[in-house]
Protein backbone atom coordinates (compact mmCIF):
# COMPACT_ATOMS: atom_id res chain seq x y z
CA MET A 1 0.00 0.00 0.00
CA LYS A 2 2.85 2.38 0.84
CA LYS A 3 4.51 1.71 -2.52
CA GLU A 4 1.22 2.28 -4.34
CA LYS A 5 0.81 5.67 -2.66
CA SER A 6 4.36 6.61 -3.62
CA VAL A 7 3.73 5.63 -7.25
CA VAL A 8 0.48 7.64 -7.33
CA LEU A 9 2.30 10.66 -5.85
CA ILE A 10 5.17 10.42 -8.33
CA MET A 11 2.99 9.94 -11.41
CA GLY A 12 0.53 12.61 -10.20
CA SER A 13 3.36 15.11 -9.80
CA VAL A 14 4.71 14.32 -13.26
CA LEU A 15 1.26 14.63 -14.84
CA LEU A 16 0.65 17.94 -13.09
CA LEU A 17 3.97 19.32 -14.33
CA PHE A 18 3.20 18.22 -17.91
CA LEU A 19 -0.19 19.93 -17.67
CA ILE A 20 1.43 23.12 -16.38
CA ALA A 21 3.96 23.03 -19.22
CA PHE A 22 1.44 22.60 -22.00
CA GLY A 23 -1.01 24.90 -20.24
CA SER A 24 1.58 27.67 -20.37
CA LEU A 25 1.88 27.21 -24.14
CA CYS A 26 -1.88 27.25 -24.62
CA TYR A 27 -2.20 30.34 -22.43
CA GLY A 28 0.58 32.07 -24.37
CA GLY A 29 -1.14 31.25 -27.65
CA TRP A 30 -4.42 32.62 -26.35
CA LEU A 31 -2.76 35.85 -25.19
CA GLN A 32 -1.01 36.27 -28.53
CA ASN A 33 -4.38 36.12 -30.30
CA THR A 34 -5.82 38.82 -28.05
CA ARG A 35 -2.83 41.16 -27.75
CA THR A 36 0.87 41.45 -28.47
CA LEU A 37 3.10 39.65 -25.95
CA SER A 38 5.99 41.52 -24.41
CA GLY A 39 9.48 40.06 -24.33
CA ILE A 40 9.23 39.44 -20.58
CA GLN A 41 5.93 37.56 -20.98
CA ILE A 42 7.45 35.31 -23.66
CA ILE A 43 10.48 34.62 -21.45
CA VAL A 44 8.26 33.75 -18.47
CA MET A 45 6.09 31.48 -20.62
CA LEU A 46 9.13 29.64 -21.99
CA PHE A 47 10.65 29.38 -18.51
CA VAL A 48 7.47 27.80 -17.14
CA PHE A 49 7.24 25.40 -20.09
CA PHE A 50 10.84 24.18 -20.12
CA GLY A 51 11.16 24.31 -16.33
CA SER A 52 8.07 22.14 -15.83
CA MET A 53 9.15 19.68 -18.53
CA LEU A 54 12.68 19.33 -17.14
CA LEU A 55 11.41 18.91 -13.58
CA ALA A 56 8.91 16.23 -14.70
CA LEU A 57 11.64 14.33 -16.55
CA ALA A 58 13.99 14.66 -13.56
CA ILE A 59 11.35 13.13 -11.27
CA LEU A 60 10.80 10.26 -13.71
CA PHE A 61 14.49 9.47 -14.16
CA SER A 62 15.32 9.77 -10.45
CA ASN A 63 12.53 7.31 -9.59
CA TYR A 64 13.01 5.00 -12.61
CA SER A 65 14.37 2.04 -10.63
CA PHE A 66 11.62 2.31 -8.03
CA LEU A 67 8.86 2.53 -10.65
CA LEU A 68 10.33 -0.38 -12.60
CA SER A 69 10.58 -2.61 -9.53
CA TYR A 70 7.02 -1.72 -8.56
CA GLU A 71 5.73 -2.62 -12.02
CA PHE A 72 7.75 -5.86 -12.00
CA LEU A 73 6.26 -6.95 -8.64
CA LYS A 74 2.78 -5.93 -9.75
CA LYS A 75 2.94 -8.08 -12.88
CA ALA A 76 4.65 -10.95 -11.07
CA ASN A 77 1.93 -11.02 -8.41
CA LYS A 78 -0.70 -11.08 -11.15
CA TYR A 79 0.91 -14.00 -12.99
CA ASN A 80 1.50 -15.85 -9.71
CA ASN A 81 -2.25 -16.13 -9.26
CA TYR A 82 -2.72 -17.97 -12.56
CA GLU A 83 -3.35 -21.69 -12.57
CA PHE A 84 -1.24 -24.00 -14.72
CA SER A 85 -2.70 -24.94 -18.08
CA LYS A 86 -2.85 -28.67 -18.80
CA ILE A 87 -2.43 -30.51 -22.10
CA ASN A 88 -3.45 -34.16 -22.39
CA ASN A 89 -1.75 -36.83 -24.49
CA PHE A 90 1.53 -34.91 -24.68
CA THR A 91 3.62 -37.88 -25.77
CA LYS A 92 6.98 -37.50 -27.47
CA ASP A 93 5.75 -39.25 -30.60
CA ARG A 94 2.67 -37.04 -30.91
CA VAL A 95 4.69 -33.88 -30.31
CA SER A 96 7.29 -34.88 -32.90
CA GLN A 97 4.63 -35.71 -35.48
CA ILE A 98 2.94 -32.33 -35.00
CA LEU A 99 6.22 -30.44 -35.26
CA LYS A 100 7.20 -32.28 -38.43
CA LYS A 101 3.77 -31.64 -39.91
CA GLU A 102 4.24 -27.92 -39.14
CA ARG A 103 7.58 -28.01 -40.96
CA PHE A 104 9.92 -27.69 -38.02
CA LYS A 105 13.40 -28.81 -39.06
CA GLU A 106 15.47 -31.15 -36.92
CA ASP A 107 18.94 -29.90 -36.03
CA ASP A 108 21.18 -31.07 -33.18
CA SER A 109 18.29 -32.51 -31.09
CA TYR A 110 16.15 -29.39 -31.64
CA PHE A 111 13.10 -28.83 -33.79
CA ILE A 112 13.59 -25.36 -35.30
CA LYS A 113 11.28 -23.05 -37.18
CA LYS A 114 11.40 -19.34 -37.98
CA LYS A 115 8.03 -17.58 -38.01
CA LEU A 116 7.28 -14.09 -39.27
CA SER A 117 5.85 -11.61 -36.79
CA LEU A 118 4.57 -8.09 -37.45
CA ALA A 119 5.81 -6.89 -34.07
CA LYS A 120 9.21 -8.62 -34.05
CA ASP A 121 10.24 -9.20 -37.69
CA SER A 122 10.65 -12.95 -37.12
CA ILE A 123 10.97 -15.32 -34.19
CA SER A 124 13.04 -18.50 -34.26
CA TYR A 125 11.51 -21.27 -32.15
CA TYR A 126 13.76 -24.01 -30.78
CA VAL A 127 11.82 -27.00 -29.43
CA ARG A 128 13.60 -29.60 -27.34
CA GLN A 129 12.21 -32.71 -25.65
CA ILE A 130 14.26 -34.22 -22.87
CA ASP A 131 13.92 -36.75 -20.03
CA SER A 132 14.90 -35.58 -16.58
CA LEU A 133 15.49 -36.83 -13.06
CA ASP A 134 16.21 -33.34 -11.71
CA VAL A 135 14.07 -30.57 -13.22
CA SER A 136 16.08 -27.68 -11.78
CA TYR A 137 19.41 -29.07 -13.02
CA THR A 138 17.96 -29.87 -16.44
CA ILE A 139 16.65 -26.34 -16.88
CA LYS A 140 20.01 -24.80 -15.98
CA THR A 141 22.00 -27.02 -18.34
CA GLU A 142 19.53 -26.65 -21.19
CA TYR A 143 19.46 -22.87 -20.85
CA ALA A 144 23.25 -22.74 -21.04
CA ARG A 145 23.22 -25.03 -24.06
CA PHE A 146 20.59 -22.93 -25.79
CA GLU A 147 22.42 -19.65 -25.21
CA ASN A 148 25.55 -21.09 -26.76
CA LYS A 149 23.64 -22.46 -29.75
CA GLN A 150 21.74 -19.43 -30.99
CA LYS A 151 23.67 -16.21 -31.52
CA LYS A 152 22.71 -15.12 -35.03
CA VAL A 153 19.01 -14.30 -34.70
CA ASN A 154 17.28 -11.21 -33.34
CA TYR A 155 14.50 -13.05 -31.51
CA ALA A 156 14.70 -16.64 -30.30
CA CYS A 157 12.57 -18.70 -27.97
CA LEU A 158 13.30 -22.07 -26.41
CA LEU A 159 10.29 -24.33 -25.94
CA LEU A 160 11.63 -26.87 -23.47
CA PHE A 161 9.52 -29.99 -22.85
CA ILE A 162 10.79 -31.85 -19.78
CA TYR A 163 9.52 -35.41 -19.22
CA CYS A 164 9.61 -36.84 -15.71
CA ASP A 165 8.39 -40.15 -14.31
CA GLN A 166 7.09 -38.29 -11.28
CA LEU A 167 6.48 -34.58 -10.74
CA MET A 168 6.96 -33.19 -7.24
CA ASP A 169 5.55 -30.03 -5.65
CA MET A 170 9.04 -28.58 -5.79
CA ASP A 171 9.09 -29.05 -9.57
CA PHE A 172 5.87 -27.09 -9.95
CA ASP A 173 7.22 -24.37 -7.65
CA ASN A 174 10.33 -24.09 -9.83
CA LEU A 175 8.18 -23.99 -12.96
CA ARG A 176 5.99 -21.22 -11.54
CA ASN A 177 8.92 -19.09 -10.37
CA LEU A 178 10.74 -19.49 -13.66
CA SER A 179 7.67 -18.81 -15.81
CA VAL A 180 6.58 -15.76 -13.80
CA ASP A 181 10.07 -14.30 -13.93
CA GLN A 182 10.41 -14.94 -17.67
CA SER A 183 6.97 -13.60 -18.63
CA THR A 184 7.36 -10.48 -16.46
CA THR A 185 10.85 -9.79 -17.80
CA ASP A 186 9.63 -10.16 -21.37
CA ASP A 187 6.80 -7.71 -20.69
CA LEU A 188 9.04 -4.99 -19.27
CA PHE A 189 12.34 -5.40 -21.13
CA ARG A 190 11.85 -5.63 -24.89
CA THR A 191 15.37 -5.56 -26.26
CA LYS A 192 16.80 -6.62 -29.59
CA PRO A 193 18.29 -9.16 -29.89
CA ALA A 194 16.34 -11.07 -27.26
CA ILE A 195 15.89 -14.66 -26.14
CA SER A 196 13.14 -16.19 -24.06
CA SER A 197 11.92 -19.58 -22.93
CA LEU A 198 8.79 -21.47 -22.05
CA VAL A 199 9.11 -24.65 -20.03
CA ILE A 200 6.52 -27.43 -20.04
CA LEU A 201 6.64 -30.20 -17.46
CA VAL A 202 5.30 -33.56 -18.60
CA ASN A 203 4.32 -36.49 -16.42
CA SER A 204 5.62 -39.45 -18.39
CA GLN A 205 3.22 -41.83 -16.60
CA THR A 206 0.04 -39.93 -17.53
CA ASN A 207 1.32 -37.90 -20.54
CA GLU A 208 -0.17 -34.77 -18.96
CA ALA A 209 1.75 -31.55 -19.61
CA TYR A 210 1.72 -28.36 -17.52
CA TYR A 211 2.81 -24.80 -18.26
CA LEU A 212 1.96 -21.26 -17.18
CA ASP A 213 -0.16 -19.44 -19.75
CA ILE A 214 -0.21 -15.65 -19.26
CA GLN A 215 -3.64 -15.55 -20.96
CA LYS A 216 -3.00 -12.55 -23.22
CA LYS A 217 -4.42 -12.83 -26.72
CA PHE A 218 -2.52 -9.85 -28.09
CA SER A 219 0.72 -9.90 -26.10
CA ILE A 220 3.80 -9.03 -28.19
CA SER A 221 6.27 -10.42 -25.64
CA LEU A 222 8.25 -13.50 -26.60
CA TYR A 223 6.65 -15.46 -23.78
CA GLY A 224 3.21 -14.43 -25.01
CA TYR A 225 4.04 -15.57 -28.55
CA SER A 226 5.27 -18.89 -27.14
CA CYS A 227 2.01 -19.45 -25.24
CA ARG A 228 -0.01 -18.86 -28.41
CA THR A 229 2.28 -21.23 -30.32
CA ILE A 230 1.73 -24.00 -27.76
CA LYS A 231 -2.04 -23.54 -27.85
CA LYS A 232 -2.09 -23.43 -31.65
CA TYR A 233 -0.20 -26.71 -32.13
CA PHE A 234 -1.03 -28.81 -29.08
CA GLN A 235 -4.35 -27.72 -27.55
């Protein structure tokens, strides 16, 4: 609550200063239509305009880290409340058949496809299926492997399907933390080049797959594109 009040105060102050700045221009224009402005009046008007603008920008830049951290926590808390989406019959054979049908090319244990995007030129998807006994370790090693593999594309996303004989609560906690962090980072930091990832945990005994869907139909983040790709091909 304290942080929310601080954000409201900061943004309210900035908005007020912007209004004062543009109000001074509008007032000056109105005066000029009714009478001739003196040199002192013009100087005062310009001082109010530029002074208000510079002060507003100074407030924004000085509080940038605070505002960014607030927005990050706000989005993360929102995504943390989402339930995992489930996909049935997520077998390796079925997944491979669908990817081949959609013209993904096999290369060094990845299925790879580049798709055009109006918002991001093109996105290269790297799909990898892997068995695991330790989800956390598998994610770390696969991330390192992926970062070393792709270095020539502007936008790349790893779709990592991890198959386990038994999924523990700790595995779902790791999946949630990782997915929330990735989706929130993608929302706030849109750099070029950029890489992202979406992890799906699969119970090999039941062939049920789980992932965190951010539920945005028109998201232009890499994580959002990945969610739509999963739903398009497998749900």
